[in-house]
Amino acid sequence: MSQDMFYRMKVAGLERDLPICRVTDDLYIGAFVIFGDVELTEACARELLKKAPEHDVMITAESKGIPLVYEMAKQAGENHYLIARKVPKLYMRGVFSTTVRSITTAKEQTLCLDQQDAEDLKGRRVLIVDDVISTGESLKALEALVNQAGGNIVGRMAILAEGDAQKREDLIYLEKLPVFNKDGQVIG
């Protein structure tokens, strides 16, 4: 496959060219990265908020969901959101964690929260936010943390649902992102 194959898609009224990247010999994905794209982040946050269920707090996993959840909180007039960190930080106390293996990451990762995060989730309506949901592994890890903290998950949102995630009825998303073969042809 040529290194400069792209998939053009429209999301939140904006067109972007996504580089097609190899995951395995038979599976390629369109790399959707909102880092550094303020226009896209703002537009996606606006459109997701139109679909968001009532909630008390939003949470995302480090790191690609951070600009999105920040912008959603800003536009919604909320002054707080939570981030499940990849590694415990020195300021975190009472850390609890779960492991995740994402399609876009080469190795198993950890997601963790601390006691203060747990207090912010306990008994509250929690909206889980991510940029792309594909295999759902990151989503499962976030769900496990929210459940462990005693939060009530009221919604799962992403900008894009990739591959089999498009079939899930519990996801709220803006657009479908297909997967590709080595020739850049859509396979699902």
N, C-alpha and C. Protein backbone atom coordinates (compact mmCIF):
# COMPACT_ATOMS: atom_id res chain seq x y z
N MET A 1 0.84 -1.18 0.00
CA MET A 1 0.00 0.00 0.00
C MET A 1 0.88 1.24 0.00
N SER A 2 0.49 2.23 -0.75
CA SER A 2 1.20 3.49 -0.81
C SER A 2 1.09 4.20 0.54
N GLN A 3 2.15 4.87 0.96
CA GLN A 3 2.15 5.57 2.24
C GLN A 3 1.28 6.81 2.22
N ASP A 4 0.86 7.27 1.05
CA ASP A 4 0.10 8.51 1.00
C ASP A 4 -1.34 8.29 0.54
N MET A 5 -1.98 7.25 1.10
CA MET A 5 -3.39 7.02 0.84
C MET A 5 -4.20 7.69 1.94
N PHE A 6 -5.31 8.29 1.55
CA PHE A 6 -6.16 9.02 2.49
C PHE A 6 -7.62 8.66 2.27
N TYR A 7 -8.38 8.84 3.33
CA TYR A 7 -9.83 8.68 3.25
C TYR A 7 -10.44 10.04 3.56
N ARG A 8 -11.19 10.59 2.64
CA ARG A 8 -11.82 11.90 2.86
C ARG A 8 -13.17 11.67 3.51
N MET A 9 -13.38 12.38 4.62
CA MET A 9 -14.66 12.27 5.29
C MET A 9 -15.14 13.63 5.75
N LYS A 10 -16.45 13.70 5.93
CA LYS A 10 -17.08 14.92 6.43
C LYS A 10 -17.63 14.63 7.82
N VAL A 11 -17.26 15.45 8.77
CA VAL A 11 -17.75 15.30 10.14
C VAL A 11 -18.00 16.69 10.72
N ALA A 12 -19.13 16.85 11.36
CA ALA A 12 -19.53 18.13 11.95
C ALA A 12 -19.46 19.26 10.94
N GLY A 13 -19.79 18.94 9.69
CA GLY A 13 -19.81 19.95 8.63
C GLY A 13 -18.46 20.27 8.03
N LEU A 14 -17.41 19.60 8.47
CA LEU A 14 -16.06 19.88 7.98
C LEU A 14 -15.49 18.65 7.27
N GLU A 15 -14.72 18.88 6.21
CA GLU A 15 -14.06 17.78 5.51
C GLU A 15 -12.61 17.68 5.95
N ARG A 16 -12.19 16.44 6.14
CA ARG A 16 -10.80 16.17 6.51
C ARG A 16 -10.33 14.93 5.76
N ASP A 17 -9.02 14.91 5.41
CA ASP A 17 -8.38 13.74 4.81
C ASP A 17 -7.66 12.97 5.90
N LEU A 18 -8.08 11.72 6.10
CA LEU A 18 -7.48 10.90 7.13
C LEU A 18 -6.45 9.96 6.50
N PRO A 19 -5.21 9.98 6.97
CA PRO A 19 -4.22 9.03 6.45
C PRO A 19 -4.64 7.60 6.79
N ILE A 20 -4.51 6.71 5.84
CA ILE A 20 -4.85 5.30 6.07
C ILE A 20 -3.60 4.62 6.61
N CYS A 21 -3.74 4.00 7.78
CA CYS A 21 -2.60 3.42 8.51
C CYS A 21 -2.81 1.93 8.76
N ARG A 22 -1.73 1.20 8.70
CA ARG A 22 -1.75 -0.24 8.90
C ARG A 22 -1.88 -0.60 10.38
N VAL A 23 -2.80 -1.52 10.69
CA VAL A 23 -2.93 -2.09 12.02
C VAL A 23 -2.38 -3.50 11.99
N THR A 24 -2.83 -4.30 10.99
CA THR A 24 -2.31 -5.64 10.73
C THR A 24 -2.15 -5.76 9.21
N ASP A 25 -1.68 -6.91 8.74
CA ASP A 25 -1.53 -7.09 7.30
C ASP A 25 -2.86 -6.96 6.56
N ASP A 26 -3.95 -7.27 7.24
CA ASP A 26 -5.26 -7.26 6.59
C ASP A 26 -6.17 -6.12 7.04
N LEU A 27 -5.73 -5.33 7.99
CA LEU A 27 -6.58 -4.29 8.53
C LEU A 27 -5.86 -2.95 8.57
N TYR A 28 -6.50 -1.95 8.00
CA TYR A 28 -6.00 -0.58 7.98
C TYR A 28 -7.10 0.33 8.48
N ILE A 29 -6.72 1.42 9.13
CA ILE A 29 -7.70 2.37 9.65
C ILE A 29 -7.39 3.77 9.15
N GLY A 30 -8.42 4.60 9.15
CA GLY A 30 -8.24 6.02 8.87
C GLY A 30 -7.89 6.72 10.17
N ALA A 31 -6.72 7.32 10.23
CA ALA A 31 -6.25 7.96 11.46
C ALA A 31 -6.94 9.31 11.65
N PHE A 32 -7.79 9.37 12.67
CA PHE A 32 -8.53 10.58 12.99
C PHE A 32 -7.90 11.20 14.23
N VAL A 33 -7.29 12.36 14.06
CA VAL A 33 -6.59 13.01 15.17
C VAL A 33 -7.08 14.45 15.28
N ILE A 34 -7.68 14.79 16.42
CA ILE A 34 -8.16 16.16 16.58
C ILE A 34 -7.12 17.07 17.22
N PHE A 35 -6.03 16.50 17.71
CA PHE A 35 -4.97 17.34 18.28
C PHE A 35 -4.57 18.41 17.27
N GLY A 36 -4.55 19.64 17.73
CA GLY A 36 -4.08 20.75 16.90
C GLY A 36 -5.11 21.29 15.93
N ASP A 37 -6.28 20.69 15.82
CA ASP A 37 -7.31 21.13 14.88
C ASP A 37 -8.45 21.76 15.69
N VAL A 38 -8.29 23.03 16.00
CA VAL A 38 -9.25 23.74 16.85
C VAL A 38 -10.62 23.80 16.19
N GLU A 39 -10.67 24.10 14.90
CA GLU A 39 -11.94 24.20 14.18
C GLU A 39 -12.73 22.89 14.29
N LEU A 40 -12.05 21.78 14.05
CA LEU A 40 -12.70 20.47 14.11
C LEU A 40 -13.13 20.13 15.53
N THR A 41 -12.29 20.39 16.50
CA THR A 41 -12.62 20.11 17.90
C THR A 41 -13.86 20.88 18.33
N GLU A 42 -13.89 22.17 18.02
CA GLU A 42 -15.05 23.00 18.39
C GLU A 42 -16.32 22.52 17.71
N ALA A 43 -16.24 22.21 16.42
CA ALA A 43 -17.42 21.76 15.67
C ALA A 43 -17.93 20.41 16.18
N CYS A 44 -17.03 19.49 16.44
CA CYS A 44 -17.44 18.18 16.94
C CYS A 44 -18.05 18.29 18.34
N ALA A 45 -17.47 19.10 19.19
CA ALA A 45 -18.01 19.31 20.54
C ALA A 45 -19.43 19.87 20.45
N ARG A 46 -19.62 20.85 19.59
CA ARG A 46 -20.94 21.47 19.42
C ARG A 46 -21.98 20.43 18.98
N GLU A 47 -21.63 19.61 18.00
CA GLU A 47 -22.57 18.62 17.48
C GLU A 47 -22.83 17.49 18.48
N LEU A 48 -21.82 17.07 19.21
CA LEU A 48 -22.04 16.04 20.23
C LEU A 48 -22.93 16.55 21.35
N LEU A 49 -22.74 17.80 21.75
CA LEU A 49 -23.57 18.35 22.82
C LEU A 49 -25.05 18.38 22.44
N LYS A 50 -25.34 18.54 21.17
CA LYS A 50 -26.73 18.52 20.71
C LYS A 50 -27.37 17.15 20.96
N LYS A 51 -26.55 16.10 21.04
CA LYS A 51 -27.04 14.73 21.22
C LYS A 51 -26.83 14.20 22.63
N ALA A 52 -26.14 14.96 23.46
CA ALA A 52 -25.74 14.48 24.79
C ALA A 52 -26.93 14.34 25.73
N PRO A 53 -26.99 13.22 26.46
CA PRO A 53 -28.03 13.08 27.49
C PRO A 53 -27.69 13.98 28.69
N GLU A 54 -28.69 14.18 29.54
CA GLU A 54 -28.46 14.93 30.78
C GLU A 54 -27.38 14.22 31.58
N HIS A 55 -26.44 14.99 32.11
CA HIS A 55 -25.33 14.41 32.86
C HIS A 55 -24.86 15.42 33.90
N ASP A 56 -24.08 14.90 34.85
CA ASP A 56 -23.48 15.76 35.88
C ASP A 56 -22.01 16.01 35.62
N VAL A 57 -21.34 15.02 35.03
CA VAL A 57 -19.90 15.13 34.80
C VAL A 57 -19.52 14.30 33.57
N MET A 58 -18.50 14.76 32.86
CA MET A 58 -17.97 14.03 31.70
C MET A 58 -16.59 13.49 32.05
N ILE A 59 -16.26 12.34 31.43
CA ILE A 59 -14.96 11.73 31.62
C ILE A 59 -14.45 11.22 30.28
N THR A 60 -13.14 11.26 30.10
CA THR A 60 -12.49 10.69 28.92
C THR A 60 -11.20 10.02 29.36
N ALA A 61 -10.62 9.27 28.43
CA ALA A 61 -9.32 8.65 28.68
C ALA A 61 -8.23 9.53 28.08
N GLU A 62 -7.10 9.57 28.75
CA GLU A 62 -5.93 10.27 28.23
C GLU A 62 -5.51 9.56 26.94
N SER A 63 -5.27 10.15 25.82
CA SER A 63 -5.04 11.55 25.69
C SER A 63 -5.85 12.21 24.58
N LYS A 64 -6.23 11.45 23.53
CA LYS A 64 -6.87 12.12 22.39
C LYS A 64 -8.25 12.67 22.70
N GLY A 65 -8.91 12.19 23.73
CA GLY A 65 -10.21 12.72 24.08
C GLY A 65 -10.16 14.02 24.87
N ILE A 66 -8.98 14.40 25.36
CA ILE A 66 -8.87 15.57 26.23
C ILE A 66 -9.33 16.86 25.57
N PRO A 67 -8.85 17.21 24.38
CA PRO A 67 -9.33 18.48 23.81
C PRO A 67 -10.84 18.46 23.55
N LEU A 68 -11.37 17.30 23.22
CA LEU A 68 -12.81 17.19 22.96
C LEU A 68 -13.62 17.40 24.23
N VAL A 69 -13.29 16.69 25.30
CA VAL A 69 -14.06 16.82 26.54
C VAL A 69 -13.89 18.23 27.12
N TYR A 70 -12.72 18.82 26.97
CA TYR A 70 -12.52 20.21 27.42
C TYR A 70 -13.47 21.14 26.67
N GLU A 71 -13.50 21.01 25.36
CA GLU A 71 -14.33 21.90 24.55
C GLU A 71 -15.81 21.66 24.81
N MET A 72 -16.19 20.41 25.01
CA MET A 72 -17.59 20.12 25.34
C MET A 72 -17.97 20.77 26.66
N ALA A 73 -17.11 20.64 27.67
CA ALA A 73 -17.39 21.26 28.97
C ALA A 73 -17.47 22.78 28.84
N LYS A 74 -16.56 23.35 28.09
CA LYS A 74 -16.54 24.80 27.89
C LYS A 74 -17.83 25.27 27.23
N GLN A 75 -18.21 24.61 26.14
CA GLN A 75 -19.42 25.03 25.42
C GLN A 75 -20.69 24.80 26.24
N ALA A 76 -20.69 23.79 27.10
CA ALA A 76 -21.85 23.49 27.93
C ALA A 76 -21.90 24.34 29.19
N GLY A 77 -20.87 25.13 29.42
CA GLY A 77 -20.83 25.96 30.62
C GLY A 77 -20.52 25.17 31.88
N GLU A 78 -19.88 24.01 31.70
CA GLU A 78 -19.49 23.18 32.83
C GLU A 78 -18.04 23.50 33.17
N ASN A 79 -17.74 23.61 34.43
CA ASN A 79 -16.39 24.01 34.84
C ASN A 79 -15.54 22.84 35.30
N HIS A 80 -15.98 21.61 34.97
CA HIS A 80 -15.25 20.46 35.48
C HIS A 80 -15.45 19.26 34.56
N TYR A 81 -14.40 18.49 34.36
CA TYR A 81 -14.46 17.20 33.67
C TYR A 81 -13.34 16.35 34.23
N LEU A 82 -13.39 15.04 33.94
CA LEU A 82 -12.40 14.13 34.49
C LEU A 82 -11.63 13.43 33.37
N ILE A 83 -10.39 13.08 33.69
CA ILE A 83 -9.53 12.37 32.75
C ILE A 83 -8.98 11.13 33.45
N ALA A 84 -9.20 9.97 32.83
CA ALA A 84 -8.57 8.74 33.31
C ALA A 84 -7.14 8.78 32.79
N ARG A 85 -6.19 8.82 33.69
CA ARG A 85 -4.78 8.97 33.33
C ARG A 85 -4.17 7.63 32.95
N LYS A 86 -3.11 7.68 32.13
CA LYS A 86 -2.42 6.45 31.72
C LYS A 86 -1.47 5.95 32.80
N VAL A 87 -0.98 6.86 33.60
CA VAL A 87 -0.11 6.48 34.73
C VAL A 87 -0.47 7.36 35.92
N PRO A 88 -0.34 6.83 37.13
CA PRO A 88 -0.61 7.66 38.30
C PRO A 88 0.39 8.82 38.38
N LYS A 89 -0.10 9.96 38.79
CA LYS A 89 0.73 11.15 38.99
C LYS A 89 1.01 11.32 40.48
N LEU A 90 2.06 12.03 40.81
CA LEU A 90 2.46 12.21 42.21
C LEU A 90 1.35 12.79 43.07
N TYR A 91 0.52 13.65 42.51
CA TYR A 91 -0.54 14.29 43.28
C TYR A 91 -1.75 13.39 43.50
N MET A 92 -1.80 12.24 42.85
CA MET A 92 -2.96 11.35 42.96
C MET A 92 -2.86 10.49 44.22
N ARG A 93 -3.96 10.40 44.96
CA ARG A 93 -4.03 9.61 46.18
C ARG A 93 -5.14 8.57 46.05
N GLY A 94 -4.93 7.39 46.60
CA GLY A 94 -5.94 6.35 46.54
C GLY A 94 -6.23 5.90 45.12
N VAL A 95 -5.20 5.68 44.35
CA VAL A 95 -5.33 5.36 42.93
C VAL A 95 -5.92 3.96 42.73
N PHE A 96 -6.83 3.85 41.80
CA PHE A 96 -7.33 2.55 41.34
C PHE A 96 -7.28 2.55 39.82
N SER A 97 -7.12 1.35 39.24
CA SER A 97 -6.86 1.30 37.80
C SER A 97 -7.46 0.07 37.15
N THR A 98 -7.42 0.07 35.84
CA THR A 98 -7.82 -1.05 35.00
C THR A 98 -6.91 -1.05 33.78
N THR A 99 -6.84 -2.17 33.08
CA THR A 99 -5.99 -2.25 31.90
C THR A 99 -6.83 -2.23 30.63
N VAL A 100 -6.19 -1.80 29.55
CA VAL A 100 -6.87 -1.69 28.26
C VAL A 100 -5.87 -1.96 27.15
N ARG A 101 -6.36 -2.57 26.08
CA ARG A 101 -5.55 -2.78 24.88
C ARG A 101 -6.32 -2.19 23.71
N SER A 102 -5.93 -1.01 23.28
CA SER A 102 -6.60 -0.29 22.20
C SER A 102 -6.05 -0.72 20.84
N ILE A 103 -6.87 -0.61 19.81
CA ILE A 103 -6.46 -0.98 18.45
C ILE A 103 -5.32 -0.09 17.95
N THR A 104 -5.23 1.15 18.45
CA THR A 104 -4.21 2.08 17.97
C THR A 104 -2.96 2.12 18.83
N THR A 105 -2.89 1.25 19.85
CA THR A 105 -1.74 1.24 20.74
C THR A 105 -1.06 -0.13 20.69
N ALA A 106 0.25 -0.14 20.62
CA ALA A 106 1.01 -1.38 20.43
C ALA A 106 0.98 -2.31 21.64
N LYS A 107 0.79 -1.76 22.83
CA LYS A 107 0.86 -2.61 24.02
C LYS A 107 -0.28 -2.29 24.98
N GLU A 108 -0.45 -3.16 25.95
CA GLU A 108 -1.47 -2.96 26.97
C GLU A 108 -1.17 -1.68 27.75
N GLN A 109 -2.22 -0.94 28.06
CA GLN A 109 -2.09 0.29 28.83
C GLN A 109 -2.91 0.20 30.11
N THR A 110 -2.65 1.11 31.00
CA THR A 110 -3.42 1.24 32.23
C THR A 110 -4.16 2.56 32.20
N LEU A 111 -5.37 2.56 32.70
CA LEU A 111 -6.11 3.80 32.93
C LEU A 111 -6.41 3.86 34.42
N CYS A 112 -6.20 5.03 35.02
CA CYS A 112 -6.40 5.13 36.46
C CYS A 112 -7.07 6.43 36.87
N LEU A 113 -7.72 6.35 38.00
CA LEU A 113 -8.34 7.49 38.66
C LEU A 113 -7.86 7.48 40.10
N ASP A 114 -8.11 8.58 40.80
CA ASP A 114 -7.76 8.59 42.22
C ASP A 114 -9.01 8.82 43.06
N GLN A 115 -8.83 8.87 44.36
CA GLN A 115 -9.95 8.98 45.29
C GLN A 115 -10.76 10.24 45.04
N GLN A 116 -10.12 11.35 44.72
CA GLN A 116 -10.86 12.59 44.45
C GLN A 116 -11.75 12.42 43.21
N ASP A 117 -11.21 11.77 42.16
CA ASP A 117 -12.02 11.49 40.97
C ASP A 117 -13.21 10.63 41.34
N ALA A 118 -12.97 9.62 42.16
CA ALA A 118 -14.05 8.72 42.58
C ALA A 118 -15.14 9.50 43.30
N GLU A 119 -14.74 10.42 44.15
CA GLU A 119 -15.73 11.25 44.85
C GLU A 119 -16.53 12.10 43.86
N ASP A 120 -15.87 12.57 42.81
CA ASP A 120 -16.54 13.38 41.79
C ASP A 120 -17.51 12.55 40.95
N LEU A 121 -17.34 11.23 40.93
CA LEU A 121 -18.19 10.34 40.14
C LEU A 121 -19.31 9.70 40.95
N LYS A 122 -19.06 9.48 42.22
CA LYS A 122 -19.97 8.70 43.07
C LYS A 122 -21.39 9.26 43.06
N GLY A 123 -22.32 8.40 42.63
CA GLY A 123 -23.73 8.76 42.62
C GLY A 123 -24.12 9.77 41.55
N ARG A 124 -23.22 10.13 40.69
CA ARG A 124 -23.50 11.16 39.68
C ARG A 124 -23.75 10.54 38.31
N ARG A 125 -24.45 11.30 37.46
CA ARG A 125 -24.72 10.88 36.08
C ARG A 125 -23.48 11.20 35.24
N VAL A 126 -22.87 10.15 34.68
CA VAL A 126 -21.58 10.28 34.01
C VAL A 126 -21.73 10.06 32.52
N LEU A 127 -21.16 10.98 31.75
CA LEU A 127 -21.12 10.88 30.29
C LEU A 127 -19.68 10.55 29.89
N ILE A 128 -19.50 9.40 29.25
CA ILE A 128 -18.18 8.99 28.77
C ILE A 128 -17.99 9.54 27.35
N VAL A 129 -16.86 10.20 27.13
CA VAL A 129 -16.58 10.86 25.85
C VAL A 129 -15.26 10.36 25.30
N ASP A 130 -15.22 10.10 23.99
CA ASP A 130 -13.96 9.71 23.33
C ASP A 130 -13.97 10.25 21.91
N ASP A 131 -12.83 10.23 21.27
CA ASP A 131 -12.76 10.71 19.89
C ASP A 131 -13.27 9.66 18.92
N VAL A 132 -12.74 8.43 19.02
CA VAL A 132 -13.14 7.33 18.15
C VAL A 132 -13.35 6.09 19.01
N ILE A 133 -14.43 5.37 18.76
CA ILE A 133 -14.64 4.08 19.40
C ILE A 133 -14.58 3.04 18.31
N SER A 134 -13.70 2.07 18.50
CA SER A 134 -13.49 1.02 17.50
C SER A 134 -13.80 -0.34 18.11
N THR A 135 -12.85 -0.92 18.80
CA THR A 135 -13.08 -2.22 19.43
C THR A 135 -13.89 -2.08 20.71
N GLY A 136 -13.90 -0.90 21.28
CA GLY A 136 -14.62 -0.67 22.53
C GLY A 136 -13.82 -0.97 23.77
N GLU A 137 -12.54 -1.32 23.62
CA GLU A 137 -11.72 -1.68 24.78
C GLU A 137 -11.48 -0.49 25.71
N SER A 138 -11.19 0.68 25.15
CA SER A 138 -10.99 1.87 25.99
C SER A 138 -12.29 2.22 26.70
N LEU A 139 -13.40 2.09 26.00
CA LEU A 139 -14.70 2.35 26.58
C LEU A 139 -14.98 1.41 27.75
N LYS A 140 -14.68 0.12 27.58
CA LYS A 140 -14.87 -0.86 28.68
C LYS A 140 -14.03 -0.48 29.89
N ALA A 141 -12.81 -0.04 29.65
CA ALA A 141 -11.94 0.35 30.77
C ALA A 141 -12.51 1.56 31.50
N LEU A 142 -12.99 2.54 30.76
CA LEU A 142 -13.60 3.71 31.40
C LEU A 142 -14.85 3.31 32.17
N GLU A 143 -15.67 2.44 31.58
CA GLU A 143 -16.86 1.97 32.27
C GLU A 143 -16.50 1.28 33.59
N ALA A 144 -15.46 0.46 33.57
CA ALA A 144 -15.03 -0.23 34.78
C ALA A 144 -14.62 0.76 35.86
N LEU A 145 -13.89 1.80 35.48
CA LEU A 145 -13.47 2.80 36.47
C LEU A 145 -14.67 3.56 37.03
N VAL A 146 -15.57 3.98 36.14
CA VAL A 146 -16.76 4.72 36.60
C VAL A 146 -17.59 3.84 37.53
N ASN A 147 -17.78 2.58 37.17
CA ASN A 147 -18.56 1.67 38.01
C ASN A 147 -17.87 1.44 39.35
N GLN A 148 -16.55 1.29 39.33
CA GLN A 148 -15.81 1.08 40.58
C GLN A 148 -15.94 2.30 41.49
N ALA A 149 -16.05 3.48 40.90
CA ALA A 149 -16.18 4.71 41.68
C ALA A 149 -17.62 4.97 42.12
N GLY A 150 -18.56 4.18 41.61
CA GLY A 150 -19.95 4.36 42.00
C GLY A 150 -20.72 5.36 41.16
N GLY A 151 -20.22 5.66 39.97
CA GLY A 151 -20.92 6.56 39.07
C GLY A 151 -22.00 5.84 38.28
N ASN A 152 -22.94 6.61 37.74
CA ASN A 152 -24.04 6.08 36.95
C ASN A 152 -23.84 6.52 35.49
N ILE A 153 -23.46 5.60 34.64
CA ILE A 153 -23.19 5.93 33.24
C ILE A 153 -24.51 6.20 32.53
N VAL A 154 -24.65 7.42 31.98
CA VAL A 154 -25.89 7.80 31.28
C VAL A 154 -25.68 7.89 29.78
N GLY A 155 -24.44 7.84 29.32
CA GLY A 155 -24.19 7.91 27.89
C GLY A 155 -22.75 7.63 27.55
N ARG A 156 -22.57 7.14 26.30
CA ARG A 156 -21.25 6.87 25.74
C ARG A 156 -21.21 7.57 24.40
N MET A 157 -20.30 8.55 24.25
CA MET A 157 -20.27 9.36 23.04
C MET A 157 -18.90 9.35 22.40
N ALA A 158 -18.90 9.47 21.07
CA ALA A 158 -17.66 9.61 20.33
C ALA A 158 -17.94 10.41 19.06
N ILE A 159 -16.90 10.99 18.53
CA ILE A 159 -17.05 11.66 17.24
C ILE A 159 -17.32 10.61 16.17
N LEU A 160 -16.53 9.53 16.18
CA LEU A 160 -16.63 8.49 15.16
C LEU A 160 -16.79 7.11 15.76
N ALA A 161 -17.58 6.28 15.10
CA ALA A 161 -17.69 4.86 15.42
C ALA A 161 -17.03 4.12 14.26
N GLU A 162 -16.02 3.33 14.59
CA GLU A 162 -15.22 2.66 13.57
C GLU A 162 -15.51 1.17 13.55
N GLY A 163 -15.63 0.61 12.34
CA GLY A 163 -15.82 -0.84 12.20
C GLY A 163 -17.05 -1.33 12.93
N ASP A 164 -16.89 -2.38 13.74
CA ASP A 164 -18.01 -3.02 14.43
C ASP A 164 -18.69 -2.10 15.45
N ALA A 165 -18.02 -1.07 15.91
CA ALA A 165 -18.64 -0.15 16.87
C ALA A 165 -19.88 0.52 16.28
N GLN A 166 -19.95 0.60 14.96
CA GLN A 166 -21.11 1.21 14.29
C GLN A 166 -22.39 0.43 14.56
N LYS A 167 -22.27 -0.83 14.92
CA LYS A 167 -23.44 -1.69 15.16
C LYS A 167 -23.96 -1.59 16.60
N ARG A 168 -23.18 -0.95 17.48
CA ARG A 168 -23.58 -0.86 18.87
C ARG A 168 -24.74 0.13 19.03
N GLU A 169 -25.73 -0.28 19.79
CA GLU A 169 -26.89 0.57 20.02
C GLU A 169 -26.72 1.48 21.23
N ASP A 170 -25.66 1.25 22.01
CA ASP A 170 -25.45 2.06 23.22
C ASP A 170 -24.51 3.23 22.99
N LEU A 171 -24.10 3.46 21.75
CA LEU A 171 -23.18 4.56 21.43
C LEU A 171 -23.91 5.71 20.75
N ILE A 172 -23.51 6.90 21.09
CA ILE A 172 -23.96 8.10 20.40
C ILE A 172 -22.73 8.64 19.67
N TYR A 173 -22.82 8.80 18.36
CA TYR A 173 -21.67 9.28 17.59
C TYR A 173 -22.14 10.13 16.42
N LEU A 174 -21.20 10.86 15.84
CA LEU A 174 -21.53 11.75 14.73
C LEU A 174 -21.46 11.06 13.38
N GLU A 175 -20.42 10.28 13.14
CA GLU A 175 -20.23 9.66 11.83
C GLU A 175 -19.64 8.27 11.97
N LYS A 176 -19.82 7.48 10.92
CA LYS A 176 -19.21 6.16 10.82
C LYS A 176 -17.87 6.29 10.11
N LEU A 177 -16.88 5.57 10.62
CA LEU A 177 -15.56 5.51 10.00
C LEU A 177 -15.30 4.07 9.59
N PRO A 178 -15.21 3.81 8.29
CA PRO A 178 -14.97 2.43 7.87
C PRO A 178 -13.54 2.00 8.15
N VAL A 179 -13.30 0.70 8.01
CA VAL A 179 -11.95 0.16 8.04
C VAL A 179 -11.60 -0.24 6.62
N PHE A 180 -10.32 -0.50 6.38
CA PHE A 180 -9.83 -0.65 5.01
C PHE A 180 -8.95 -1.88 4.87
N ASN A 181 -8.78 -2.33 3.62
CA ASN A 181 -7.79 -3.36 3.33
C ASN A 181 -6.48 -2.70 2.92
N LYS A 182 -5.47 -3.52 2.58
CA LYS A 182 -4.15 -2.97 2.27
C LYS A 182 -4.14 -2.09 1.03
N ASP A 183 -5.16 -2.21 0.19
CA ASP A 183 -5.26 -1.39 -1.02
C ASP A 183 -6.04 -0.09 -0.78
N GLY A 184 -6.45 0.12 0.48
CA GLY A 184 -7.20 1.32 0.82
C GLY A 184 -8.68 1.22 0.49
N GLN A 185 -9.17 0.04 0.19
CA GLN A 185 -10.59 -0.15 -0.11
C GLN A 185 -11.35 -0.42 1.18
N VAL A 186 -12.55 0.14 1.26
CA VAL A 186 -13.40 -0.03 2.43
C VAL A 186 -13.80 -1.49 2.56
N ILE A 187 -13.62 -2.04 3.78
CA ILE A 187 -14.03 -3.43 4.05
C ILE A 187 -15.08 -3.51 5.15
N GLY A 188 -15.38 -2.43 5.77
CA GLY A 188 -16.41 -2.48 6.83
C GLY A 188 -16.60 -1.18 7.50
